[in-house]
């Protein structure tokens, strides 16, 4: 519901086209749903003392992380796709070709993966408190949201702020959606797709490296909490 009310507060009293409202809702929905699950899985598993059993099974750390990303991506993709179809019908969004529809859902899919990896990266903090992780996640999400071109199109920004928008992956999804809906994109759509893939590769590598370093500490914290409960410390 947050993306809807965020968009509602943005459009009230302003002359904004339905196309731009649609782009804003879909961009925020995709990003927020993608970052909803992956940050909290490992803290919950750590707190419930089930992480040791998972790591003791014959699967690698990479497979565990990919399982989390897959679940988070699937969750985001299903919800965002449903909302996208609903708002296409409500707003009577017209696409020039089937290719534009394909590119739209490709962008949503890439953002689902990207947001899941971003959440997984934040979850590298070896804590069993989901609140600690979500505080960090929110401190990251909202600046990325306002740095993107959702609220102010990149065409209306000075060069300095356009450069700053490169540090928000939402920028490229928003620009890609603009291409699909009304061809008001700032970059070429191929560049938007390329940048989303670059972000995915970067976040995957960073997540794996950080989790490989912090997993022993996470397990040691689990062991300490077990000993405390047993009265050994």
C-alpha atoms as a PDB file:
ATOM      1  CA  UNK A   1       0.000   0.000   0.000  1.00  0.00           C
ATOM      2  CA  UNK A   2       2.927   2.347   0.619  1.00  0.00           C
ATOM      3  CA  UNK A   3       3.726   2.967  -3.094  1.00  0.00           C
ATOM      4  CA  UNK A   4       0.060   3.767  -3.740  1.00  0.00           C
ATOM      5  CA  UNK A   5      -0.245   6.333  -0.937  1.00  0.00           C
ATOM      6  CA  UNK A   6       3.190   7.745  -1.747  1.00  0.00           C
ATOM      7  CA  UNK A   7       2.053   8.311  -5.316  1.00  0.00           C
ATOM      8  CA  UNK A   8      -1.276   9.718  -4.133  1.00  0.00           C
ATOM      9  CA  UNK A   9       0.479  12.337  -1.999  1.00  0.00           C
ATOM     10  CA  UNK A  10       2.678  13.155  -4.985  1.00  0.00           C
ATOM     11  CA  UNK A  11      -0.107  13.730  -7.522  1.00  0.00           C
ATOM     12  CA  UNK A  12      -2.744  15.515  -5.415  1.00  0.00           C
ATOM     13  CA  UNK A  13      -2.974  19.139  -6.480  1.00  0.00           C
ATOM     14  CA  UNK A  14      -0.587  18.671  -9.392  1.00  0.00           C
ATOM     15  CA  UNK A  15      -1.207  18.303 -13.110  1.00  0.00           C
ATOM     16  CA  UNK A  16       0.428  14.926 -13.700  1.00  0.00           C
ATOM     17  CA  UNK A  17      -0.552  12.583 -16.516  1.00  0.00           C
ATOM     18  CA  UNK A  18      -1.838   9.086 -15.837  1.00  0.00           C
ATOM     19  CA  UNK A  19       1.185   7.708 -17.685  1.00  0.00           C
ATOM     20  CA  UNK A  20       3.547   9.287 -15.154  1.00  0.00           C
ATOM     21  CA  UNK A  21       1.380   8.127 -12.249  1.00  0.00           C
ATOM     22  CA  UNK A  22       1.498   4.589 -13.659  1.00  0.00           C
ATOM     23  CA  UNK A  23       5.290   4.735 -14.022  1.00  0.00           C
ATOM     24  CA  UNK A  24       5.687   5.955 -10.434  1.00  0.00           C
ATOM     25  CA  UNK A  25       3.411   3.305  -8.926  1.00  0.00           C
ATOM     26  CA  UNK A  26       5.028   0.415 -10.808  1.00  0.00           C
ATOM     27  CA  UNK A  27       8.603   1.569 -10.113  1.00  0.00           C
ATOM     28  CA  UNK A  28       7.978   1.952  -6.382  1.00  0.00           C
ATOM     29  CA  UNK A  29       5.973  -1.267  -6.106  1.00  0.00           C
ATOM     30  CA  UNK A  30       8.689  -3.277  -7.836  1.00  0.00           C
ATOM     31  CA  UNK A  31      11.461  -1.821  -5.688  1.00  0.00           C
ATOM     32  CA  UNK A  32       9.674  -1.992  -2.326  1.00  0.00           C
ATOM     33  CA  UNK A  33       8.350  -5.528  -2.766  1.00  0.00           C
ATOM     34  CA  UNK A  34      11.773  -6.741  -3.931  1.00  0.00           C
ATOM     35  CA  UNK A  35      13.412  -5.384  -0.767  1.00  0.00           C
ATOM     36  CA  UNK A  36      10.747  -6.728   1.606  1.00  0.00           C
ATOM     37  CA  UNK A  37      11.809 -10.356   2.119  1.00  0.00           C
ATOM     38  CA  UNK A  38      15.518 -10.857   1.430  1.00  0.00           C
ATOM     39  CA  UNK A  39      16.776  -8.567   4.249  1.00  0.00           C
ATOM     40  CA  UNK A  40      14.945 -10.471   7.007  1.00  0.00           C
ATOM     41  CA  UNK A  41      15.393 -14.146   6.068  1.00  0.00           C
ATOM     42  CA  UNK A  42      18.868 -14.674   7.534  1.00  0.00           C
ATOM     43  CA  UNK A  43      18.202 -12.703  10.754  1.00  0.00           C
ATOM     44  CA  UNK A  44      15.070 -14.812  11.330  1.00  0.00           C
ATOM     45  CA  UNK A  45      16.934 -18.052  10.590  1.00  0.00           C
ATOM     46  CA  UNK A  46      19.672 -16.943  12.994  1.00  0.00           C
ATOM     47  CA  UNK A  47      17.189 -16.127  15.764  1.00  0.00           C
ATOM     48  CA  UNK A  48      15.249 -19.376  15.284  1.00  0.00           C
ATOM     49  CA  UNK A  49      18.525 -21.380  15.395  1.00  0.00           C
ATOM     50  CA  UNK A  50      17.766 -23.057  12.063  1.00  0.00           C
ATOM     51  CA  UNK A  51      20.691 -21.528  10.166  1.00  0.00           C
ATOM     52  CA  UNK A  52      23.143 -24.146  11.448  1.00  0.00           C
ATOM     53  CA  UNK A  53      20.967 -26.966  10.117  1.00  0.00           C
ATOM     54  CA  UNK A  54      20.737 -25.259   6.730  1.00  0.00           C
ATOM     55  CA  UNK A  55      24.513 -24.815   6.521  1.00  0.00           C
ATOM     56  CA  UNK A  56      25.045 -28.416   7.654  1.00  0.00           C
ATOM     57  CA  UNK A  57      23.109 -29.681   4.636  1.00  0.00           C
ATOM     58  CA  UNK A  58      25.040 -30.535   1.447  1.00  0.00           C
ATOM     59  CA  UNK A  59      24.504 -27.164  -0.229  1.00  0.00           C
ATOM     60  CA  UNK A  60      26.881 -24.267  -0.666  1.00  0.00           C
ATOM     61  CA  UNK A  61      26.576 -20.752   0.724  1.00  0.00           C
ATOM     62  CA  UNK A  62      26.011 -19.509  -2.803  1.00  0.00           C
ATOM     63  CA  UNK A  63      23.026 -21.851  -3.226  1.00  0.00           C
ATOM     64  CA  UNK A  64      21.543 -20.656   0.070  1.00  0.00           C
ATOM     65  CA  UNK A  65      21.857 -17.032  -0.978  1.00  0.00           C
ATOM     66  CA  UNK A  66      20.396 -17.768  -4.406  1.00  0.00           C
ATOM     67  CA  UNK A  67      17.443 -19.510  -2.753  1.00  0.00           C
ATOM     68  CA  UNK A  68      16.710 -16.366  -0.747  1.00  0.00           C
ATOM     69  CA  UNK A  69      17.019 -14.209  -3.865  1.00  0.00           C
ATOM     70  CA  UNK A  70      14.748 -16.546  -5.839  1.00  0.00           C
ATOM     71  CA  UNK A  71      11.996 -16.441  -3.194  1.00  0.00           C
ATOM     72  CA  UNK A  72      12.222 -12.660  -2.875  1.00  0.00           C
ATOM     73  CA  UNK A  73      12.274 -12.174  -6.651  1.00  0.00           C
ATOM     74  CA  UNK A  74       9.263 -14.425  -7.162  1.00  0.00           C
ATOM     75  CA  UNK A  75       7.312 -12.577  -4.454  1.00  0.00           C
ATOM     76  CA  UNK A  76       8.103  -9.188  -5.989  1.00  0.00           C
ATOM     77  CA  UNK A  77       7.467 -10.306  -9.559  1.00  0.00           C
ATOM     78  CA  UNK A  78       4.045 -11.794  -8.812  1.00  0.00           C
ATOM     79  CA  UNK A  79       2.775  -8.800  -6.824  1.00  0.00           C
ATOM     80  CA  UNK A  80       4.189  -6.195  -9.214  1.00  0.00           C
ATOM     81  CA  UNK A  81       2.861  -8.019 -12.279  1.00  0.00           C
ATOM     82  CA  UNK A  82      -0.651  -8.167 -10.810  1.00  0.00           C
ATOM     83  CA  UNK A  83      -0.583  -4.467  -9.889  1.00  0.00           C
ATOM     84  CA  UNK A  84       0.836  -3.597 -13.320  1.00  0.00           C
ATOM     85  CA  UNK A  85      -1.967  -5.390 -15.144  1.00  0.00           C
ATOM     86  CA  UNK A  86      -4.601  -3.807 -12.889  1.00  0.00           C
ATOM     87  CA  UNK A  87      -3.327  -0.273 -13.469  1.00  0.00           C
ATOM     88  CA  UNK A  88      -2.898  -0.838 -17.211  1.00  0.00           C
ATOM     89  CA  UNK A  89      -6.622  -1.594 -17.312  1.00  0.00           C
ATOM     90  CA  UNK A  90      -7.651   1.198 -14.905  1.00  0.00           C
ATOM     91  CA  UNK A  91      -5.579   3.898 -16.622  1.00  0.00           C
ATOM     92  CA  UNK A  92      -6.123   2.479 -20.137  1.00  0.00           C
ATOM     93  CA  UNK A  93      -2.383   2.550 -20.807  1.00  0.00           C
ATOM     94  CA  UNK A  94      -1.730   2.053 -24.529  1.00  0.00           C
ATOM     95  CA  UNK A  95       1.466   0.426 -25.765  1.00  0.00           C
ATOM     96  CA  UNK A  96       2.815   0.869 -29.269  1.00  0.00           C
ATOM     97  CA  UNK A  97       3.856  -2.756 -29.654  1.00  0.00           C
ATOM     98  CA  UNK A  98       4.147  -6.113 -27.949  1.00  0.00           C
ATOM     99  CA  UNK A  99       7.878  -5.460 -27.702  1.00  0.00           C
ATOM    100  CA  UNK A 100       7.167  -2.522 -25.368  1.00  0.00           C
ATOM    101  CA  UNK A 101       5.114  -4.794 -23.092  1.00  0.00           C
ATOM    102  CA  UNK A 102       7.905  -7.382 -23.119  1.00  0.00           C
ATOM    103  CA  UNK A 103      10.511  -4.741 -22.227  1.00  0.00           C
ATOM    104  CA  UNK A 104       8.262  -3.442 -19.432  1.00  0.00           C
ATOM    105  CA  UNK A 105       8.038  -6.854 -17.775  1.00  0.00           C
ATOM    106  CA  UNK A 106      11.737  -7.450 -18.437  1.00  0.00           C
ATOM    107  CA  UNK A 107      12.498  -4.270 -16.501  1.00  0.00           C
ATOM    108  CA  UNK A 108      10.220  -5.346 -13.652  1.00  0.00           C
ATOM    109  CA  UNK A 109      11.944  -8.756 -13.562  1.00  0.00           C
ATOM    110  CA  UNK A 110      15.401  -7.190 -13.447  1.00  0.00           C
ATOM    111  CA  UNK A 111      14.349  -4.839 -10.639  1.00  0.00           C
ATOM    112  CA  UNK A 112      12.900  -7.788  -8.705  1.00  0.00           C
ATOM    113  CA  UNK A 113      16.289  -9.508  -8.848  1.00  0.00           C
ATOM    114  CA  UNK A 114      18.196  -6.295  -8.160  1.00  0.00           C
ATOM    115  CA  UNK A 115      16.087  -5.306  -5.150  1.00  0.00           C
ATOM    116  CA  UNK A 116      16.353  -8.813  -3.718  1.00  0.00           C
ATOM    117  CA  UNK A 117      20.139  -8.676  -3.995  1.00  0.00           C
ATOM    118  CA  UNK A 118      20.199  -5.246  -2.364  1.00  0.00           C
ATOM    119  CA  UNK A 119      18.209  -6.615   0.562  1.00  0.00           C
ATOM    120  CA  UNK A 120      20.531  -9.602   0.767  1.00  0.00           C
ATOM    121  CA  UNK A 121      23.527  -7.271   0.855  1.00  0.00           C
ATOM    122  CA  UNK A 122      22.075  -5.372   3.816  1.00  0.00           C
ATOM    123  CA  UNK A 123      21.346  -8.698   5.535  1.00  0.00           C
ATOM    124  CA  UNK A 124      25.097  -9.376   5.670  1.00  0.00           C
ATOM    125  CA  UNK A 125      25.007  -7.528   8.989  1.00  0.00           C
ATOM    126  CA  UNK A 126      25.369 -10.467  11.410  1.00  0.00           C
ATOM    127  CA  UNK A 127      22.383  -9.759  13.630  1.00  0.00           C
ATOM    128  CA  UNK A 128      19.322 -11.782  14.563  1.00  0.00           C
ATOM    129  CA  UNK A 129      17.166  -8.663  14.944  1.00  0.00           C
ATOM    130  CA  UNK A 130      15.095  -7.919  11.859  1.00  0.00           C
ATOM    131  CA  UNK A 131      14.471  -4.390  13.131  1.00  0.00           C
ATOM    132  CA  UNK A 132      18.195  -3.610  12.943  1.00  0.00           C
ATOM    133  CA  UNK A 133      18.352  -4.746   9.331  1.00  0.00           C
ATOM    134  CA  UNK A 134      15.185  -2.934   8.278  1.00  0.00           C
ATOM    135  CA  UNK A 135      16.400   0.344   9.793  1.00  0.00           C
ATOM    136  CA  UNK A 136      19.479   0.144   7.571  1.00  0.00           C
ATOM    137  CA  UNK A 137      17.333  -0.938   4.625  1.00  0.00           C
ATOM    138  CA  UNK A 138      15.030   2.064   5.004  1.00  0.00           C
ATOM    139  CA  UNK A 139      17.989   4.424   5.307  1.00  0.00           C
ATOM    140  CA  UNK A 140      19.108   3.136   1.909  1.00  0.00           C
ATOM    141  CA  UNK A 141      15.742   2.778   0.156  1.00  0.00           C
ATOM    142  CA  UNK A 142      14.368   6.263   0.593  1.00  0.00           C
ATOM    143  CA  UNK A 143      17.434   8.183  -0.642  1.00  0.00           C
ATOM    144  CA  UNK A 144      17.551   5.858  -3.668  1.00  0.00           C
ATOM    145  CA  UNK A 145      13.872   6.556  -4.283  1.00  0.00           C
ATOM    146  CA  UNK A 146      14.219  10.336  -4.237  1.00  0.00           C
ATOM    147  CA  UNK A 147      17.459  10.271  -6.255  1.00  0.00           C
ATOM    148  CA  UNK A 148      15.709   8.490  -9.116  1.00  0.00           C
ATOM    149  CA  UNK A 149      13.625  10.118 -11.824  1.00  0.00           C
ATOM    150  CA  UNK A 150      10.247   9.115 -10.411  1.00  0.00           C
ATOM    151  CA  UNK A 151       9.146  12.448  -9.002  1.00  0.00           C
ATOM    152  CA  UNK A 152      11.136  14.751 -11.296  1.00  0.00           C
ATOM    153  CA  UNK A 153      11.887  13.463 -14.833  1.00  0.00           C
ATOM    154  CA  UNK A 154      15.571  13.352 -15.737  1.00  0.00           C
ATOM    155  CA  UNK A 155      14.855  15.726 -18.621  1.00  0.00           C
ATOM    156  CA  UNK A 156      14.083  18.448 -16.065  1.00  0.00           C
ATOM    157  CA  UNK A 157      17.160  17.889 -13.892  1.00  0.00           C
ATOM    158  CA  UNK A 158      20.492  19.730 -14.121  1.00  0.00           C
ATOM    159  CA  UNK A 159      23.528  17.639 -15.197  1.00  0.00           C
ATOM    160  CA  UNK A 160      24.799  17.357 -11.608  1.00  0.00           C
ATOM    161  CA  UNK A 161      21.590  15.695 -10.422  1.00  0.00           C
ATOM    162  CA  UNK A 162      21.440  13.472 -13.511  1.00  0.00           C
ATOM    163  CA  UNK A 163      24.905  12.215 -12.569  1.00  0.00           C
ATOM    164  CA  UNK A 164      23.714  11.651  -8.986  1.00  0.00           C
ATOM    165  CA  UNK A 165      20.778   9.615 -10.275  1.00  0.00           C
ATOM    166  CA  UNK A 166      23.237   7.018 -11.626  1.00  0.00           C
ATOM    167  CA  UNK A 167      23.726   5.906  -8.015  1.00  0.00           C
ATOM    168  CA  UNK A 168      20.082   4.829  -7.810  1.00  0.00           C
ATOM    169  CA  UNK A 169      19.113   1.700  -9.764  1.00  0.00           C
ATOM    170  CA  UNK A 170      15.478   2.836  -9.693  1.00  0.00           C
ATOM    171  CA  UNK A 171      16.499   5.544 -12.161  1.00  0.00           C
ATOM    172  CA  UNK A 172      16.997   2.998 -14.914  1.00  0.00           C
ATOM    173  CA  UNK A 173      13.765   1.105 -14.270  1.00  0.00           C
ATOM    174  CA  UNK A 174      11.828   4.384 -14.281  1.00  0.00           C
ATOM    175  CA  UNK A 175      13.486   5.494 -17.507  1.00  0.00           C
ATOM    176  CA  UNK A 176      12.816   2.099 -19.078  1.00  0.00           C
ATOM    177  CA  UNK A 177       9.134   2.337 -18.140  1.00  0.00           C
ATOM    178  CA  UNK A 178       8.983   5.808 -19.669  1.00  0.00           C
ATOM    179  CA  UNK A 179      10.262   4.314 -22.925  1.00  0.00           C
ATOM    180  CA  UNK A 180       7.619   1.587 -22.836  1.00  0.00           C
ATOM    181  CA  UNK A 181       4.704   3.872 -21.969  1.00  0.00           C
ATOM    182  CA  UNK A 182       5.186   7.148 -23.830  1.00  0.00           C
ATOM    183  CA  UNK A 183       8.735   7.239 -25.254  1.00  0.00           C
ATOM    184  CA  UNK A 184       9.729  10.040 -22.842  1.00  0.00           C
ATOM    185  CA  UNK A 185      12.889   8.213 -21.777  1.00  0.00           C
ATOM    186  CA  UNK A 186      16.135  10.104 -21.136  1.00  0.00           C
ATOM    187  CA  UNK A 187      18.541   7.260 -21.967  1.00  0.00           C
ATOM    188  CA  UNK A 188      18.290   4.625 -24.677  1.00  0.00           C
ATOM    189  CA  UNK A 189      16.334   1.624 -23.408  1.00  0.00           C
ATOM    190  CA  UNK A 190      19.304  -0.650 -24.173  1.00  0.00           C
ATOM    191  CA  UNK A 191      21.412   1.446 -21.803  1.00  0.00           C
ATOM    192  CA  UNK A 192      18.767   1.174 -19.059  1.00  0.00           C
ATOM    193  CA  UNK A 193      18.733  -2.621 -19.362  1.00  0.00           C
ATOM    194  CA  UNK A 194      22.535  -2.731 -19.408  1.00  0.00           C
ATOM    195  CA  UNK A 195      22.781  -0.609 -16.243  1.00  0.00           C
ATOM    196  CA  UNK A 196      20.244  -2.763 -14.408  1.00  0.00           C
ATOM    197  CA  UNK A 197      22.302  -5.848 -15.275  1.00  0.00           C
ATOM    198  CA  UNK A 198      25.498  -4.103 -14.121  1.00  0.00           C
ATOM    199  CA  UNK A 199      23.823  -3.305 -10.797  1.00  0.00           C
ATOM    200  CA  UNK A 200      22.714  -6.939 -10.457  1.00  0.00           C
ATOM    201  CA  UNK A 201      26.223  -8.272 -11.080  1.00  0.00           C
ATOM    202  CA  UNK A 202      27.748  -5.764  -8.656  1.00  0.00           C
ATOM    203  CA  UNK A 203      25.244  -6.509  -5.876  1.00  0.00           C
ATOM    204  CA  UNK A 204      25.607 -10.270  -6.354  1.00  0.00           C
ATOM    205  CA  UNK A 205      29.397 -10.154  -6.035  1.00  0.00           C
ATOM    206  CA  UNK A 206      29.269  -7.758  -3.075  1.00  0.00           C
ATOM    207  CA  UNK A 207      26.618  -9.858  -1.292  1.00  0.00           C
ATOM    208  CA  UNK A 208      28.538 -13.102  -1.712  1.00  0.00           C
ATOM    209  CA  UNK A 209      31.821 -11.599  -0.496  1.00  0.00           C
ATOM    210  CA  UNK A 210      30.238  -9.975   2.564  1.00  0.00           C
ATOM    211  CA  UNK A 211      28.195 -13.036   3.548  1.00  0.00           C
ATOM    212  CA  UNK A 212      31.248 -15.249   3.205  1.00  0.00           C
ATOM    213  CA  UNK A 213      33.035 -12.972   5.694  1.00  0.00           C
ATOM    214  CA  UNK A 214      30.171 -12.489   8.144  1.00  0.00           C
ATOM    215  CA  UNK A 215      28.649 -15.994   8.179  1.00  0.00           C
ATOM    216  CA  UNK A 216      31.174 -17.380  10.734  1.00  0.00           C
ATOM    217  CA  UNK A 217      30.361 -14.449  13.032  1.00  0.00           C
ATOM    218  CA  UNK A 218      26.638 -15.072  12.558  1.00  0.00           C
ATOM    219  CA  UNK A 219      27.135 -18.717  13.527  1.00  0.00           C
ATOM    220  CA  UNK A 220      29.252 -17.774  16.544  1.00  0.00           C
ATOM    221  CA  UNK A 221      26.491 -15.429  17.715  1.00  0.00           C
ATOM    222  CA  UNK A 222      24.028 -18.311  17.363  1.00  0.00           C
ATOM    223  CA  UNK A 223      26.285 -20.509  19.454  1.00  0.00           C
ATOM    224  CA  UNK A 224      26.597 -17.867  22.170  1.00  0.00           C
ATOM    225  CA  UNK A 225      22.853 -17.405  22.407  1.00  0.00           C
ATOM    226  CA  UNK A 226      22.419 -21.170  22.783  1.00  0.00           C
ATOM    227  CA  UNK A 227      24.907 -21.253  25.652  1.00  0.00           C
ATOM    228  CA  UNK A 228      23.191 -18.318  27.353  1.00  0.00           C
ATOM    229  CA  UNK A 229      19.835 -20.095  27.199  1.00  0.00           C
ATOM    230  CA  UNK A 230      21.390 -23.241  28.682  1.00  0.00           C
ATOM    231  CA  UNK A 231      22.980 -21.230  31.492  1.00  0.00           C
ATOM    232  CA  UNK A 232      26.562 -21.993  30.475  1.00  0.00           C
ATOM    233  CA  UNK A 233      27.518 -18.293  30.295  1.00  0.00           C
END
